[in-house]
Amino acid sequence: EFALYQNFPNPFNPSTTISYSLPERSRVKLTVIDIRGREVITLQDESKSPGSYAVQWNGMDRFGNPVSTGLYLCRLQVVDPATGRAGNFSQTIKMVYLR
């Protein structure tokens, strides 16, 4: 089944590992969002084969700047390849970054 697992370590500094699994070939979008709902960085936006995956996040935003201490959300979305919009699965976890 589709699953997004809790990051480890959490809280983290300087980096954390985010794991997820896919039961079928899917286009996935894995993003980090700040507490205000703004996208910090897209970690993955690509088609993946069925299986388990682990992605590292180093606490940097999409411009290469370190993020502030605080709560962040990580969202895994399965994207409909025809429309580019969110498909039938989305899951979010909470992550805490400590400096």
PDB file of N, CA and C in Angstrom:
ATOM      1  N   GLU A   1       0.831  -1.188   0.000  1.00  0.00           N
ATOM      2  CA  GLU A   1       0.000   0.000   0.000  1.00  0.00           C
ATOM      3  C   GLU A   1       0.873   1.248   0.000  1.00  0.00           C
ATOM      4  N   PHE A   2       0.291   2.356  -0.379  1.00  0.00           N
ATOM      5  CA  PHE A   2       1.000   3.633  -0.303  1.00  0.00           C
ATOM      6  C   PHE A   2       1.213   3.981   1.161  1.00  0.00           C
ATOM      7  N   ALA A   3       2.402   4.466   1.503  1.00  0.00           N
ATOM      8  CA  ALA A   3       2.666   4.842   2.892  1.00  0.00           C
ATOM      9  C   ALA A   3       3.806   5.842   2.964  1.00  0.00           C
ATOM     10  N   LEU A   4       3.652   6.817   3.845  1.00  0.00           N
ATOM     11  CA  LEU A   4       4.707   7.769   4.196  1.00  0.00           C
ATOM     12  C   LEU A   4       5.009   7.524   5.658  1.00  0.00           C
ATOM     13  N   TYR A   5       6.261   7.239   5.978  1.00  0.00           N
ATOM     14  CA  TYR A   5       6.647   6.890   7.346  1.00  0.00           C
ATOM     15  C   TYR A   5       7.252   8.093   8.054  1.00  0.00           C
ATOM     16  N   GLN A   6       7.182   8.059   9.382  1.00  0.00           N
ATOM     17  CA  GLN A   6       7.738   9.153  10.177  1.00  0.00           C
ATOM     18  C   GLN A   6       9.230   9.283   9.911  1.00  0.00           C
ATOM     19  N   ASN A   7       9.676  10.520   9.749  1.00  0.00           N
ATOM     20  CA  ASN A   7      11.101  10.758   9.501  1.00  0.00           C
ATOM     21  C   ASN A   7      11.935  10.346  10.709  1.00  0.00           C
ATOM     22  N   PHE A   8      13.217  10.081  10.459  1.00  0.00           N
ATOM     23  CA  PHE A   8      14.133   9.693  11.533  1.00  0.00           C
ATOM     24  C   PHE A   8      15.492  10.318  11.271  1.00  0.00           C
ATOM     25  N   PRO A   9      16.124  10.948  12.239  1.00  0.00           N
ATOM     26  CA  PRO A   9      15.589  11.238  13.568  1.00  0.00           C
ATOM     27  C   PRO A   9      14.579  12.383  13.517  1.00  0.00           C
ATOM     28  N   ASN A  10      13.810  12.491  14.568  1.00  0.00           N
ATOM     29  CA  ASN A  10      12.843  13.571  14.712  1.00  0.00           C
ATOM     30  C   ASN A  10      12.666  13.853  16.191  1.00  0.00           C
ATOM     31  N   PRO A  11      13.071  15.024  16.670  1.00  0.00           N
ATOM     32  CA  PRO A  11      13.629  16.194  15.999  1.00  0.00           C
ATOM     33  C   PRO A  11      14.976  15.882  15.345  1.00  0.00           C
ATOM     34  N   PHE A  12      15.377  16.763  14.409  1.00  0.00           N
ATOM     35  CA  PHE A  12      16.608  16.515  13.672  1.00  0.00           C
ATOM     36  C   PHE A  12      17.454  17.768  13.511  1.00  0.00           C
ATOM     37  N   ASN A  13      18.729  17.533  13.292  1.00  0.00           N
ATOM     38  CA  ASN A  13      19.722  18.544  12.951  1.00  0.00           C
ATOM     39  C   ASN A  13      21.017  17.781  12.734  1.00  0.00           C
ATOM     40  N   PRO A  14      21.661  17.809  11.627  1.00  0.00           N
ATOM     41  CA  PRO A  14      21.403  18.695  10.491  1.00  0.00           C
ATOM     42  C   PRO A  14      20.555  18.066   9.406  1.00  0.00           C
ATOM     43  N   SER A  15      20.298  16.745   9.452  1.00  0.00           N
ATOM     44  CA  SER A  15      19.507  16.137   8.375  1.00  0.00           C
ATOM     45  C   SER A  15      18.608  15.038   8.933  1.00  0.00           C
ATOM     46  N   THR A  16      17.645  14.645   8.108  1.00  0.00           N
ATOM     47  CA  THR A  16      16.702  13.604   8.490  1.00  0.00           C
ATOM     48  C   THR A  16      16.406  12.737   7.275  1.00  0.00           C
ATOM     49  N   THR A  17      15.939  11.525   7.530  1.00  0.00           N
ATOM     50  CA  THR A  17      15.581  10.601   6.460  1.00  0.00           C
ATOM     51  C   THR A  17      14.072  10.419   6.448  1.00  0.00           C
ATOM     52  N   ILE A  18      13.497  10.566   5.256  1.00  0.00           N
ATOM     53  CA  ILE A  18      12.060  10.415   5.053  1.00  0.00           C
ATOM     54  C   ILE A  18      11.862   9.190   4.158  1.00  0.00           C
ATOM     55  N   SER A  19      11.067   8.241   4.634  1.00  0.00           N
ATOM     56  CA  SER A  19      10.854   6.984   3.896  1.00  0.00           C
ATOM     57  C   SER A  19       9.393   6.861   3.462  1.00  0.00           C
ATOM     58  N   TYR A  20       9.217   6.206   2.324  1.00  0.00           N
ATOM     59  CA  TYR A  20       7.863   5.941   1.843  1.00  0.00           C
ATOM     60  C   TYR A  20       7.871   4.680   0.991  1.00  0.00           C
ATOM     61  N   SER A  21       6.675   4.132   0.761  1.00  0.00           N
ATOM     62  CA  SER A  21       6.565   2.943  -0.084  1.00  0.00           C
ATOM     63  C   SER A  21       5.413   3.102  -1.069  1.00  0.00           C
ATOM     64  N   LEU A  22       5.587   2.440  -2.216  1.00  0.00           N
ATOM     65  CA  LEU A  22       4.613   2.492  -3.298  1.00  0.00           C
ATOM     66  C   LEU A  22       4.252   1.073  -3.723  1.00  0.00           C
ATOM     67  N   PRO A  23       2.958   0.767  -3.884  1.00  0.00           N
ATOM     68  CA  PRO A  23       2.561  -0.576  -4.307  1.00  0.00           C
ATOM     69  C   PRO A  23       2.579  -0.756  -5.828  1.00  0.00           C
ATOM     70  N   GLU A  24       2.663   0.353  -6.555  1.00  0.00           N
ATOM     71  CA  GLU A  24       2.612   0.310  -8.011  1.00  0.00           C
ATOM     72  C   GLU A  24       3.402   1.476  -8.579  1.00  0.00           C
ATOM     73  N   ARG A  25       3.719   1.410  -9.852  1.00  0.00           N
ATOM     74  CA  ARG A  25       4.427   2.517 -10.502  1.00  0.00           C
ATOM     75  C   ARG A  25       3.574   3.770 -10.375  1.00  0.00           C
ATOM     76  N   SER A  26       4.189   4.846  -9.875  1.00  0.00           N
ATOM     77  CA  SER A  26       3.442   6.069  -9.589  1.00  0.00           C
ATOM     78  C   SER A  26       4.326   7.280  -9.793  1.00  0.00           C
ATOM     79  N   ARG A  27       3.702   8.385 -10.146  1.00  0.00           N
ATOM     80  CA  ARG A  27       4.411   9.666 -10.134  1.00  0.00           C
ATOM     81  C   ARG A  27       4.173  10.257  -8.753  1.00  0.00           C
ATOM     82  N   VAL A  28       5.253  10.533  -8.054  1.00  0.00           N
ATOM     83  CA  VAL A  28       5.150  11.031  -6.685  1.00  0.00           C
ATOM     84  C   VAL A  28       5.709  12.439  -6.582  1.00  0.00           C
ATOM     85  N   LYS A  29       5.132  13.187  -5.640  1.00  0.00           N
ATOM     86  CA  LYS A  29       5.648  14.504  -5.298  1.00  0.00           C
ATOM     87  C   LYS A  29       5.833  14.525  -3.788  1.00  0.00           C
ATOM     88  N   LEU A  30       7.073  14.734  -3.365  1.00  0.00           N
ATOM     89  CA  LEU A  30       7.419  14.765  -1.945  1.00  0.00           C
ATOM     90  C   LEU A  30       7.886  16.175  -1.626  1.00  0.00           C
ATOM     91  N   THR A  31       7.123  16.888  -0.804  1.00  0.00           N
ATOM     92  CA  THR A  31       7.436  18.281  -0.517  1.00  0.00           C
ATOM     93  C   THR A  31       7.510  18.537   0.977  1.00  0.00           C
ATOM     94  N   VAL A  32       8.318  19.541   1.330  1.00  0.00           N
ATOM     95  CA  VAL A  32       8.401  20.026   2.703  1.00  0.00           C
ATOM     96  C   VAL A  32       7.696  21.384   2.727  1.00  0.00           C
ATOM     97  N   ILE A  33       6.833  21.567   3.732  1.00  0.00           N
ATOM     98  CA  ILE A  33       6.002  22.759   3.854  1.00  0.00           C
ATOM     99  C   ILE A  33       6.216  23.358   5.239  1.00  0.00           C
ATOM    100  N   ASP A  34       6.278  24.692   5.319  1.00  0.00           N
ATOM    101  CA  ASP A  34       6.424  25.310   6.635  1.00  0.00           C
ATOM    102  C   ASP A  34       5.062  25.410   7.321  1.00  0.00           C
ATOM    103  N   ILE A  35       5.071  25.861   8.558  1.00  0.00           N
ATOM    104  CA  ILE A  35       3.865  25.887   9.374  1.00  0.00           C
ATOM    105  C   ILE A  35       2.810  26.852   8.817  1.00  0.00           C
ATOM    106  N   ARG A  36       3.233  27.794   7.973  1.00  0.00           N
ATOM    107  CA  ARG A  36       2.294  28.737   7.349  1.00  0.00           C
ATOM    108  C   ARG A  36       1.712  28.195   6.041  1.00  0.00           C
ATOM    109  N   GLY A  37       2.128  26.986   5.667  1.00  0.00           N
ATOM    110  CA  GLY A  37       1.604  26.374   4.459  1.00  0.00           C
ATOM    111  C   GLY A  37       2.381  26.680   3.194  1.00  0.00           C
ATOM    112  N   ARG A  38       3.533  27.332   3.330  1.00  0.00           N
ATOM    113  CA  ARG A  38       4.362  27.656   2.163  1.00  0.00           C
ATOM    114  C   ARG A  38       5.303  26.498   1.863  1.00  0.00           C
ATOM    115  N   GLU A  39       5.445  26.198   0.571  1.00  0.00           N
ATOM    116  CA  GLU A  39       6.363  25.137   0.165  1.00  0.00           C
ATOM    117  C   GLU A  39       7.802  25.595   0.387  1.00  0.00           C
ATOM    118  N   VAL A  40       8.565  24.782   1.112  1.00  0.00           N
ATOM    119  CA  VAL A  40       9.966  25.068   1.409  1.00  0.00           C
ATOM    120  C   VAL A  40      10.859  24.493   0.312  1.00  0.00           C
ATOM    121  N   ILE A  41      10.598  23.224  -0.018  1.00  0.00           N
ATOM    122  CA  ILE A  41      11.398  22.532  -1.035  1.00  0.00           C
ATOM    123  C   ILE A  41      10.623  21.320  -1.548  1.00  0.00           C
ATOM    124  N   THR A  42      10.823  21.011  -2.806  1.00  0.00           N
ATOM    125  CA  THR A  42      10.317  19.762  -3.376  1.00  0.00           C
ATOM    126  C   THR A  42      11.484  18.787  -3.410  1.00  0.00           C
ATOM    127  N   LEU A  43      11.365  17.695  -2.673  1.00  0.00           N
ATOM    128  CA  LEU A  43      12.444  16.711  -2.593  1.00  0.00           C
ATOM    129  C   LEU A  43      12.401  15.736  -3.765  1.00  0.00           C
ATOM    130  N   GLN A  44      11.193  15.407  -4.222  1.00  0.00           N
ATOM    131  CA  GLN A  44      11.046  14.525  -5.385  1.00  0.00           C
ATOM    132  C   GLN A  44       9.779  14.908  -6.131  1.00  0.00           C
ATOM    133  N   ASP A  45       9.852  14.817  -7.440  1.00  0.00           N
ATOM    134  CA  ASP A  45       8.692  15.023  -8.307  1.00  0.00           C
ATOM    135  C   ASP A  45       8.973  14.218  -9.567  1.00  0.00           C
ATOM    136  N   GLU A  46       8.737  12.905  -9.464  1.00  0.00           N
ATOM    137  CA  GLU A  46       9.118  12.011 -10.553  1.00  0.00           C
ATOM    138  C   GLU A  46       8.358  10.695 -10.478  1.00  0.00           C
ATOM    139  N   SER A  47       8.460   9.923 -11.534  1.00  0.00           N
ATOM    140  CA  SER A  47       7.833   8.611 -11.599  1.00  0.00           C
ATOM    141  C   SER A  47       8.746   7.583 -10.922  1.00  0.00           C
ATOM    142  N   LYS A  48       8.139   6.718 -10.112  1.00  0.00           N
ATOM    143  CA  LYS A  48       8.895   5.701  -9.370  1.00  0.00           C
ATOM    144  C   LYS A  48       8.248   4.333  -9.553  1.00  0.00           C
ATOM    145  N   SER A  49       9.084   3.307  -9.571  1.00  0.00           N
ATOM    146  CA  SER A  49       8.613   1.922  -9.619  1.00  0.00           C
ATOM    147  C   SER A  49       8.097   1.505  -8.245  1.00  0.00           C
ATOM    148  N   PRO A  50       7.337   0.412  -8.171  1.00  0.00           N
ATOM    149  CA  PRO A  50       6.892  -0.075  -6.861  1.00  0.00           C
ATOM    150  C   PRO A  50       8.100  -0.370  -5.974  1.00  0.00           C
ATOM    151  N   GLY A  51       7.969  -0.093  -4.683  1.00  0.00           N
ATOM    152  CA  GLY A  51       9.058  -0.388  -3.757  1.00  0.00           C
ATOM    153  C   GLY A  51       9.115   0.600  -2.619  1.00  0.00           C
ATOM    154  N   SER A  52      10.196   0.508  -1.850  1.00  0.00           N
ATOM    155  CA  SER A  52      10.425   1.382  -0.705  1.00  0.00           C
ATOM    156  C   SER A  52      11.559   2.346  -1.025  1.00  0.00           C
ATOM    157  N   TYR A  53      11.413   3.577  -0.556  1.00  0.00           N
ATOM    158  CA  TYR A  53      12.377   4.632  -0.858  1.00  0.00           C
ATOM    159  C   TYR A  53      12.717   5.415   0.403  1.00  0.00           C
ATOM    160  N   ALA A  54      13.918   5.963   0.438  1.00  0.00           N
ATOM    161  CA  ALA A  54      14.363   6.817   1.536  1.00  0.00           C
ATOM    162  C   ALA A  54      15.014   8.055   0.929  1.00  0.00           C
ATOM    163  N   VAL A  55      14.620   9.220   1.414  1.00  0.00           N
ATOM    164  CA  VAL A  55      15.107  10.497   0.903  1.00  0.00           C
ATOM    165  C   VAL A  55      15.677  11.291   2.065  1.00  0.00           C
ATOM    166  N   GLN A  56      16.832  11.893   1.862  1.00  0.00           N
ATOM    167  CA  GLN A  56      17.450  12.742   2.881  1.00  0.00           C
ATOM    168  C   GLN A  56      17.031  14.186   2.675  1.00  0.00           C
ATOM    169  N   TRP A  57      16.744  14.884   3.781  1.00  0.00           N
ATOM    170  CA  TRP A  57      16.535  16.333   3.726  1.00  0.00           C
ATOM    171  C   TRP A  57      17.517  16.965   4.691  1.00  0.00           C
ATOM    172  N   ASN A  58      18.277  17.942   4.186  1.00  0.00           N
ATOM    173  CA  ASN A  58      19.342  18.560   4.966  1.00  0.00           C
ATOM    174  C   ASN A  58      18.947  19.865   5.636  1.00  0.00           C
ATOM    175  N   GLY A  59      17.663  20.179   5.724  1.00  0.00           N
ATOM    176  CA  GLY A  59      17.219  21.390   6.397  1.00  0.00           C
ATOM    177  C   GLY A  59      17.450  22.655   5.591  1.00  0.00           C
ATOM    178  N   MET A  60      17.589  22.507   4.282  1.00  0.00           N
ATOM    179  CA  MET A  60      17.776  23.671   3.413  1.00  0.00           C
ATOM    180  C   MET A  60      16.516  23.901   2.584  1.00  0.00           C
ATOM    181  N   ASP A  61      16.258  25.168   2.243  1.00  0.00           N
ATOM    182  CA  ASP A  61      15.127  25.448   1.361  1.00  0.00           C
ATOM    183  C   ASP A  61      15.553  25.291  -0.092  1.00  0.00           C
ATOM    184  N   ARG A  62      14.656  25.575  -1.026  1.00  0.00           N
ATOM    185  CA  ARG A  62      14.940  25.362  -2.448  1.00  0.00           C
ATOM    186  C   ARG A  62      16.012  26.296  -2.990  1.00  0.00           C
ATOM    187  N   PHE A  63      16.355  27.344  -2.231  1.00  0.00           N
ATOM    188  CA  PHE A  63      17.404  28.280  -2.649  1.00  0.00           C
ATOM    189  C   PHE A  63      18.757  27.970  -2.012  1.00  0.00           C
ATOM    190  N   GLY A  64      18.797  26.907  -1.184  1.00  0.00           N
ATOM    191  CA  GLY A  64      20.040  26.532  -0.520  1.00  0.00           C
ATOM    192  C   GLY A  64      20.273  27.235   0.801  1.00  0.00           C
ATOM    193  N   ASN A  65      19.242  27.893   1.330  1.00  0.00           N
ATOM    194  CA  ASN A  65      19.349  28.580   2.620  1.00  0.00           C
ATOM    195  C   ASN A  65      18.875  27.660   3.737  1.00  0.00           C
ATOM    196  N   PRO A  66      19.535  27.700   4.894  1.00  0.00           N
ATOM    197  CA  PRO A  66      19.071  26.872   6.015  1.00  0.00           C
ATOM    198  C   PRO A  66      17.716  27.373   6.528  1.00  0.00           C
ATOM    199  N   VAL A  67      16.847  26.442   6.887  1.00  0.00           N
ATOM    200  CA  VAL A  67      15.548  26.821   7.428  1.00  0.00           C
ATOM    201  C   VAL A  67      15.688  27.178   8.902  1.00  0.00           C
ATOM    202  N   SER A  68      14.670  27.846   9.428  1.00  0.00           N
ATOM    203  CA  SER A  68      14.646  28.221  10.842  1.00  0.00           C
ATOM    204  C   SER A  68      14.213  27.039  11.690  1.00  0.00           C
ATOM    205  N   THR A  69      14.572  27.079  12.956  1.00  0.00           N
ATOM    206  CA  THR A  69      14.090  26.089  13.910  1.00  0.00           C
ATOM    207  C   THR A  69      12.569  26.108  13.907  1.00  0.00           C
ATOM    208  N   GLY A  70      11.954  24.934  13.952  1.00  0.00           N
ATOM    209  CA  GLY A  70      10.505  24.902  14.026  1.00  0.00           C
ATOM    210  C   GLY A  70       9.891  23.637  13.470  1.00  0.00           C
ATOM    211  N   LEU A  71       8.574  23.692  13.338  1.00  0.00           N
ATOM    212  CA  LEU A  71       7.771  22.576  12.855  1.00  0.00           C
ATOM    213  C   LEU A  71       7.623  22.668  11.343  1.00  0.00           C
ATOM    214  N   TYR A  72       7.832  21.549  10.666  1.00  0.00           N
ATOM    215  CA  TYR A  72       7.660  21.455   9.217  1.00  0.00           C
ATOM    216  C   TYR A  72       6.801  20.242   8.910  1.00  0.00           C
ATOM    217  N   LEU A  73       6.128  20.286   7.785  1.00  0.00           N
ATOM    218  CA  LEU A  73       5.308  19.176   7.332  1.00  0.00           C
ATOM    219  C   LEU A  73       5.940  18.594   6.084  1.00  0.00           C
ATOM    220  N   CYS A  74       5.874  17.292   5.965  1.00  0.00           N
ATOM    221  CA  CYS A  74       6.333  16.624   4.748  1.00  0.00           C
ATOM    222  C   CYS A  74       5.122  15.923   4.155  1.00  0.00           C
ATOM    223  N   ARG A  75       4.845  16.219   2.874  1.00  0.00           N
ATOM    224  CA  ARG A  75       3.672  15.656   2.224  1.00  0.00           C
ATOM    225  C   ARG A  75       4.083  14.800   1.040  1.00  0.00           C
ATOM    226  N   LEU A  76       3.547  13.593   1.002  1.00  0.00           N
ATOM    227  CA  LEU A  76       3.707  12.695  -0.142  1.00  0.00           C
ATOM    228  C   LEU A  76       2.384  12.672  -0.887  1.00  0.00           C
ATOM    229  N   GLN A  77       2.434  13.013  -2.179  1.00  0.00           N
ATOM    230  CA  GLN A  77       1.245  12.969  -3.024  1.00  0.00           C
ATOM    231  C   GLN A  77       1.519  12.078  -4.213  1.00  0.00           C
ATOM    232  N   VAL A  78       0.541  11.265  -4.550  1.00  0.00           N
ATOM    233  CA  VAL A  78       0.595  10.522  -5.796  1.00  0.00           C
ATOM    234  C   VAL A  78      -0.074  11.427  -6.821  1.00  0.00           C
ATOM    235  N   VAL A  79       0.641  11.710  -7.907  1.00  0.00           N
ATOM    236  CA  VAL A  79       0.184  12.677  -8.895  1.00  0.00           C
ATOM    237  C   VAL A  79      -0.391  11.952 -10.107  1.00  0.00           C
ATOM    238  N   ASP A  80      -1.527  12.424 -10.578  1.00  0.00           N
ATOM    239  CA  ASP A  80      -2.137  11.883 -11.798  1.00  0.00           C
ATOM    240  C   ASP A  80      -1.284  12.326 -12.985  1.00  0.00           C
ATOM    241  N   PRO A  81      -0.675  11.384 -13.702  1.00  0.00           N
ATOM    242  CA  PRO A  81       0.224  11.757 -14.794  1.00  0.00           C
ATOM    243  C   PRO A  81      -0.471  12.499 -15.930  1.00  0.00           C
ATOM    244  N   ALA A  82      -1.764  12.286 -16.101  1.00  0.00           N
ATOM    245  CA  ALA A  82      -2.489  12.943 -17.191  1.00  0.00           C
ATOM    246  C   ALA A  82      -2.721  14.422 -16.917  1.00  0.00           C
ATOM    247  N   THR A  83      -3.035  14.761 -15.646  1.00  0.00           N
ATOM    248  CA  THR A  83      -3.381  16.144 -15.322  1.00  0.00           C
ATOM    249  C   THR A  83      -2.289  16.875 -14.548  1.00  0.00           C
ATOM    250  N   GLY A  84      -1.385  16.121 -13.891  1.00  0.00           N
ATOM    251  CA  GLY A  84      -0.369  16.747 -13.051  1.00  0.00           C
ATOM    252  C   GLY A  84      -0.903  17.158 -11.693  1.00  0.00           C
ATOM    253  N   ARG A  85      -2.148  16.808 -11.401  1.00  0.00           N
ATOM    254  CA  ARG A  85      -2.769  17.144 -10.117  1.00  0.00           C
ATOM    255  C   ARG A  85      -2.690  15.953  -9.168  1.00  0.00           C
ATOM    256  N   ALA A  86      -2.933  16.244  -7.897  1.00  0.00           N
ATOM    257  CA  ALA A  86      -2.902  15.187  -6.883  1.00  0.00           C
ATOM    258  C   ALA A  86      -3.857  14.064  -7.255  1.00  0.00           C
ATOM    259  N   GLY A  87      -3.384  12.838  -7.082  1.00  0.00           N
ATOM    260  CA  GLY A  87      -4.187  11.667  -7.403  1.00  0.00           C
ATOM    261  C   GLY A  87      -4.951  11.164  -6.197  1.00  0.00           C
ATOM    262  N   ASN A  88      -4.992   9.849  -6.037  1.00  0.00           N
ATOM    263  CA  ASN A  88      -5.833   9.235  -5.013  1.00  0.00           C
ATOM    264  C   ASN A  88      -5.135   9.020  -3.677  1.00  0.00           C
ATOM    265  N   PHE A  89      -3.913   9.515  -3.500  1.00  0.00           N
ATOM    266  CA  PHE A  89      -3.236   9.319  -2.223  1.00  0.00           C
ATOM    267  C   PHE A  89      -2.449  10.565  -1.834  1.00  0.00           C
ATOM    268  N   SER A  90      -2.598  10.952  -0.579  1.00  0.00           N
ATOM    269  CA  SER A  90      -1.808  12.035  -0.011  1.00  0.00           C
ATOM    270  C   SER A  90      -1.676  11.767   1.481  1.00  0.00           C
ATOM    271  N   GLN A  91      -0.463  11.927   2.001  1.00  0.00           N
ATOM    272  CA  GLN A  91      -0.238  11.735   3.435  1.00  0.00           C
ATOM    273  C   GLN A  91       0.785  12.750   3.893  1.00  0.00           C
ATOM    274  N   THR A  92       0.631  13.228   5.126  1.00  0.00           N
ATOM    275  CA  THR A  92       1.507  14.260   5.679  1.00  0.00           C
ATOM    276  C   THR A  92       2.024  13.824   7.045  1.00  0.00           C
ATOM    277  N   ILE A  93       3.302  14.128   7.299  1.00  0.00           N
ATOM    278  CA  ILE A  93       3.890  13.885   8.622  1.00  0.00           C
ATOM    279  C   ILE A  93       4.437  15.201   9.167  1.00  0.00           C
ATOM    280  N   LYS A  94       4.593  15.266  10.489  1.00  0.00           N
ATOM    281  CA  LYS A  94       5.181  16.433  11.147  1.00  0.00           C
ATOM    282  C   LYS A  94       6.641  16.153  11.444  1.00  0.00           C
ATOM    283  N   MET A  95       7.479  17.171  11.209  1.00  0.00           N
ATOM    284  CA  MET A  95       8.920  17.058  11.482  1.00  0.00           C
ATOM    285  C   MET A  95       9.349  18.286  12.271  1.00  0.00           C
ATOM    286  N   VAL A  96      10.289  18.114  13.198  1.00  0.00           N
ATOM    287  CA  VAL A  96      10.791  19.231  13.992  1.00  0.00           C
ATOM    288  C   VAL A  96      12.269  19.417  13.707  1.00  0.00           C
ATOM    289  N   TYR A  97      12.612  20.628  13.270  1.00  0.00           N
ATOM    290  CA  TYR A  97      14.018  20.991  13.007  1.00  0.00           C
ATOM    291  C   TYR A  97      14.525  21.815  14.181  1.00  0.00           C
ATOM    292  N   LEU A  98      15.626  21.384  14.785  1.00  0.00           N
ATOM    293  CA  LEU A  98      16.228  22.109  15.904  1.00  0.00           C
ATOM    294  C   LEU A  98      17.637  22.546  15.510  1.00  0.00           C
ATOM    295  N   ARG A  99      17.935  23.790  15.728  1.00  0.00           N
ATOM    296  CA  ARG A  99      19.285  24.293  15.454  1.00  0.00           C
ATOM    297  C   ARG A  99      20.150  24.144  16.661  1.00  0.00           C
TER     298      ARG A  99
END
